[in-house]
Amino acid sequence: MNEDRIMEALENVMDPEVGVNIVDLGLVYGIKEEENGKAVIEMTLTIPECPLADRIIADVKKAAGSVDGVKQAEVQLVFEPKWTPARMNDEAREQIRARQSAML
């Protein structure tokens, strides 16, 4: 089990409201691996009252659990530091711009 493979798996988890994966959005703050095969993912949401939080958490657990060596995935939601659009990478910004352009 390693953090890079877990992070790669999390790139498949989309924030359904934004339409961009949680890694590119900068929602994943860290991954800790424990000896017993447990992965602890520390992350946030774009807003604390996100109506799809349960779905995102379930998707994170499923994606992390798909990595060889991960026997259990736990999500720890944190809201400090607060998420801001500055945490997004360039790919996320481009995806959002393209969606906005398509809607015009």
C-alpha atoms as a PDB file:
ATOM      1  CA  MET A   1       0.000   0.000   0.000  1.00  0.00           C
ATOM      2  CA  ASN A   2       1.306   3.453  -0.751  1.00  0.00           C
ATOM      3  CA  GLU A   3       0.005   6.972  -0.727  1.00  0.00           C
ATOM      4  CA  ASP A   4       0.700   7.623  -4.409  1.00  0.00           C
ATOM      5  CA  ARG A   5      -1.476   4.710  -5.535  1.00  0.00           C
ATOM      6  CA  ILE A   6      -4.270   5.762  -3.196  1.00  0.00           C
ATOM      7  CA  MET A   7      -4.070   9.350  -4.467  1.00  0.00           C
ATOM      8  CA  GLU A   8      -4.192   8.046  -8.040  1.00  0.00           C
ATOM      9  CA  ALA A   9      -7.327   6.046  -7.203  1.00  0.00           C
ATOM     10  CA  LEU A  10      -8.901   9.150  -5.647  1.00  0.00           C
ATOM     11  CA  GLU A  11      -8.494  10.960  -8.978  1.00  0.00           C
ATOM     12  CA  ASN A  12     -11.500   8.888 -10.086  1.00  0.00           C
ATOM     13  CA  VAL A  13     -13.730  10.375  -7.376  1.00  0.00           C
ATOM     14  CA  MET A  14     -15.716  13.285  -8.733  1.00  0.00           C
ATOM     15  CA  ASP A  15     -17.330  16.096  -6.825  1.00  0.00           C
ATOM     16  CA  PRO A  16     -20.735  15.674  -8.495  1.00  0.00           C
ATOM     17  CA  GLU A  17     -21.724  19.305  -8.090  1.00  0.00           C
ATOM     18  CA  VAL A  18     -18.516  20.711  -9.573  1.00  0.00           C
ATOM     19  CA  GLY A  19     -17.800  17.920 -12.062  1.00  0.00           C
ATOM     20  CA  VAL A  20     -14.071  17.766 -11.231  1.00  0.00           C
ATOM     21  CA  ASN A  21     -12.193  15.099  -9.293  1.00  0.00           C
ATOM     22  CA  ILE A  22     -11.442  15.707  -5.629  1.00  0.00           C
ATOM     23  CA  VAL A  23      -7.658  15.549  -6.081  1.00  0.00           C
ATOM     24  CA  ASP A  24      -7.564  18.281  -8.738  1.00  0.00           C
ATOM     25  CA  LEU A  25      -9.943  20.360  -6.623  1.00  0.00           C
ATOM     26  CA  GLY A  26      -7.481  20.164  -3.727  1.00  0.00           C
ATOM     27  CA  LEU A  27      -9.956  18.524  -1.364  1.00  0.00           C
ATOM     28  CA  VAL A  28      -7.536  15.798  -0.233  1.00  0.00           C
ATOM     29  CA  TYR A  29      -5.288  17.168   2.505  1.00  0.00           C
ATOM     30  CA  GLY A  30      -3.394  13.996   3.334  1.00  0.00           C
ATOM     31  CA  ILE A  31      -3.268  10.203   3.449  1.00  0.00           C
ATOM     32  CA  LYS A  32      -1.922   8.179   6.356  1.00  0.00           C
ATOM     33  CA  GLU A  33      -1.181   4.500   6.095  1.00  0.00           C
ATOM     34  CA  GLU A  34      -1.379   2.304   9.150  1.00  0.00           C
ATOM     35  CA  GLU A  35       0.317  -1.069   9.556  1.00  0.00           C
ATOM     36  CA  ASN A  36      -2.951  -2.995   9.611  1.00  0.00           C
ATOM     37  CA  GLY A  37      -3.815  -2.067   6.025  1.00  0.00           C
ATOM     38  CA  LYS A  38      -5.938   0.880   7.025  1.00  0.00           C
ATOM     39  CA  ALA A  39      -5.760   4.074   4.977  1.00  0.00           C
ATOM     40  CA  VAL A  40      -6.907   7.290   6.631  1.00  0.00           C
ATOM     41  CA  ILE A  41      -7.804  10.012   4.141  1.00  0.00           C
ATOM     42  CA  GLU A  42      -7.960  13.525   5.527  1.00  0.00           C
ATOM     43  CA  MET A  43     -10.036  15.724   3.286  1.00  0.00           C
ATOM     44  CA  THR A  44     -12.515  18.536   3.139  1.00  0.00           C
ATOM     45  CA  LEU A  45     -15.484  19.538   1.028  1.00  0.00           C
ATOM     46  CA  THR A  46     -16.009  22.669  -1.022  1.00  0.00           C
ATOM     47  CA  ILE A  47     -18.644  23.737   1.529  1.00  0.00           C
ATOM     48  CA  PRO A  48     -19.284  22.219   4.970  1.00  0.00           C
ATOM     49  CA  GLU A  49     -23.000  21.748   4.259  1.00  0.00           C
ATOM     50  CA  CYS A  50     -22.384  19.875   0.987  1.00  0.00           C
ATOM     51  CA  PRO A  51     -25.608  17.952   0.240  1.00  0.00           C
ATOM     52  CA  LEU A  52     -23.660  15.152  -1.445  1.00  0.00           C
ATOM     53  CA  ALA A  53     -21.088  14.628   1.319  1.00  0.00           C
ATOM     54  CA  ASP A  54     -22.242  11.058   2.042  1.00  0.00           C
ATOM     55  CA  ARG A  55     -21.892  10.101  -1.616  1.00  0.00           C
ATOM     56  CA  ILE A  56     -18.417  11.634  -1.899  1.00  0.00           C
ATOM     57  CA  ILE A  57     -17.246   9.901   1.292  1.00  0.00           C
ATOM     58  CA  ALA A  58     -18.592   6.555   0.079  1.00  0.00           C
ATOM     59  CA  ASP A  59     -16.841   7.041  -3.277  1.00  0.00           C
ATOM     60  CA  VAL A  60     -13.553   7.910  -1.506  1.00  0.00           C
ATOM     61  CA  LYS A  61     -13.752   4.777   0.644  1.00  0.00           C
ATOM     62  CA  LYS A  62     -14.524   2.624  -2.382  1.00  0.00           C
ATOM     63  CA  ALA A  63     -11.690   4.093  -4.456  1.00  0.00           C
ATOM     64  CA  ALA A  64      -9.123   3.811  -1.658  1.00  0.00           C
ATOM     65  CA  GLY A  65     -10.317   0.301  -0.857  1.00  0.00           C
ATOM     66  CA  SER A  66      -9.688  -0.749  -4.456  1.00  0.00           C
ATOM     67  CA  VAL A  67      -5.930  -0.265  -4.008  1.00  0.00           C
ATOM     68  CA  ASP A  68      -3.986  -3.462  -3.335  1.00  0.00           C
ATOM     69  CA  GLY A  69      -3.038  -3.678   0.325  1.00  0.00           C
ATOM     70  CA  VAL A  70      -5.808  -1.416   1.589  1.00  0.00           C
ATOM     71  CA  LYS A  71      -8.054  -3.456   3.848  1.00  0.00           C
ATOM     72  CA  GLN A  72     -10.019  -0.534   5.259  1.00  0.00           C
ATOM     73  CA  ALA A  73     -10.429   3.121   4.320  1.00  0.00           C
ATOM     74  CA  GLU A  74     -11.456   5.811   6.754  1.00  0.00           C
ATOM     75  CA  VAL A  75     -12.335   9.388   5.823  1.00  0.00           C
ATOM     76  CA  GLN A  76     -11.681  12.189   8.269  1.00  0.00           C
ATOM     77  CA  LEU A  77     -13.474  15.357   7.220  1.00  0.00           C
ATOM     78  CA  VAL A  78     -11.778  18.555   8.316  1.00  0.00           C
ATOM     79  CA  PHE A  79     -12.765  22.136   7.666  1.00  0.00           C
ATOM     80  CA  GLU A  80      -9.562  23.853   8.791  1.00  0.00           C
ATOM     81  CA  PRO A  81      -7.870  24.989   6.730  1.00  0.00           C
ATOM     82  CA  LYS A  82     -10.968  26.016   4.851  1.00  0.00           C
ATOM     83  CA  TRP A  83     -11.094  25.016   1.195  1.00  0.00           C
ATOM     84  CA  THR A  84     -10.823  27.845  -1.324  1.00  0.00           C
ATOM     85  CA  PRO A  85     -10.575  27.810  -5.126  1.00  0.00           C
ATOM     86  CA  ALA A  86      -6.871  28.624  -4.709  1.00  0.00           C
ATOM     87  CA  ARG A  87      -6.358  24.941  -3.754  1.00  0.00           C
ATOM     88  CA  MET A  88      -7.401  23.794  -7.249  1.00  0.00           C
ATOM     89  CA  ASN A  89      -4.733  22.836  -9.748  1.00  0.00           C
ATOM     90  CA  ASP A  90      -4.611  24.216 -13.292  1.00  0.00           C
ATOM     91  CA  GLU A  91      -6.391  21.172 -14.730  1.00  0.00           C
ATOM     92  CA  ALA A  92      -9.383  21.726 -12.435  1.00  0.00           C
ATOM     93  CA  ARG A  93      -9.529  25.398 -13.367  1.00  0.00           C
ATOM     94  CA  GLU A  94      -9.512  24.519 -17.065  1.00  0.00           C
ATOM     95  CA  GLN A  95     -12.260  21.916 -16.645  1.00  0.00           C
ATOM     96  CA  ILE A  96     -14.453  24.426 -14.826  1.00  0.00           C
ATOM     97  CA  ARG A  97     -13.808  27.118 -17.475  1.00  0.00           C
ATOM     98  CA  ALA A  98     -14.699  24.656 -20.235  1.00  0.00           C
ATOM     99  CA  ARG A  99     -17.972  23.732 -18.483  1.00  0.00           C
ATOM    100  CA  GLN A 100     -18.867  27.379 -17.998  1.00  0.00           C
ATOM    101  CA  SER A 101     -18.140  28.134 -21.665  1.00  0.00           C
ATOM    102  CA  ALA A 102     -20.274  25.202 -22.774  1.00  0.00           C
ATOM    103  CA  MET A 103     -23.209  26.513 -20.739  1.00  0.00           C
ATOM    104  CA  LEU A 104     -23.144  29.918 -22.484  1.00  0.00           C
END
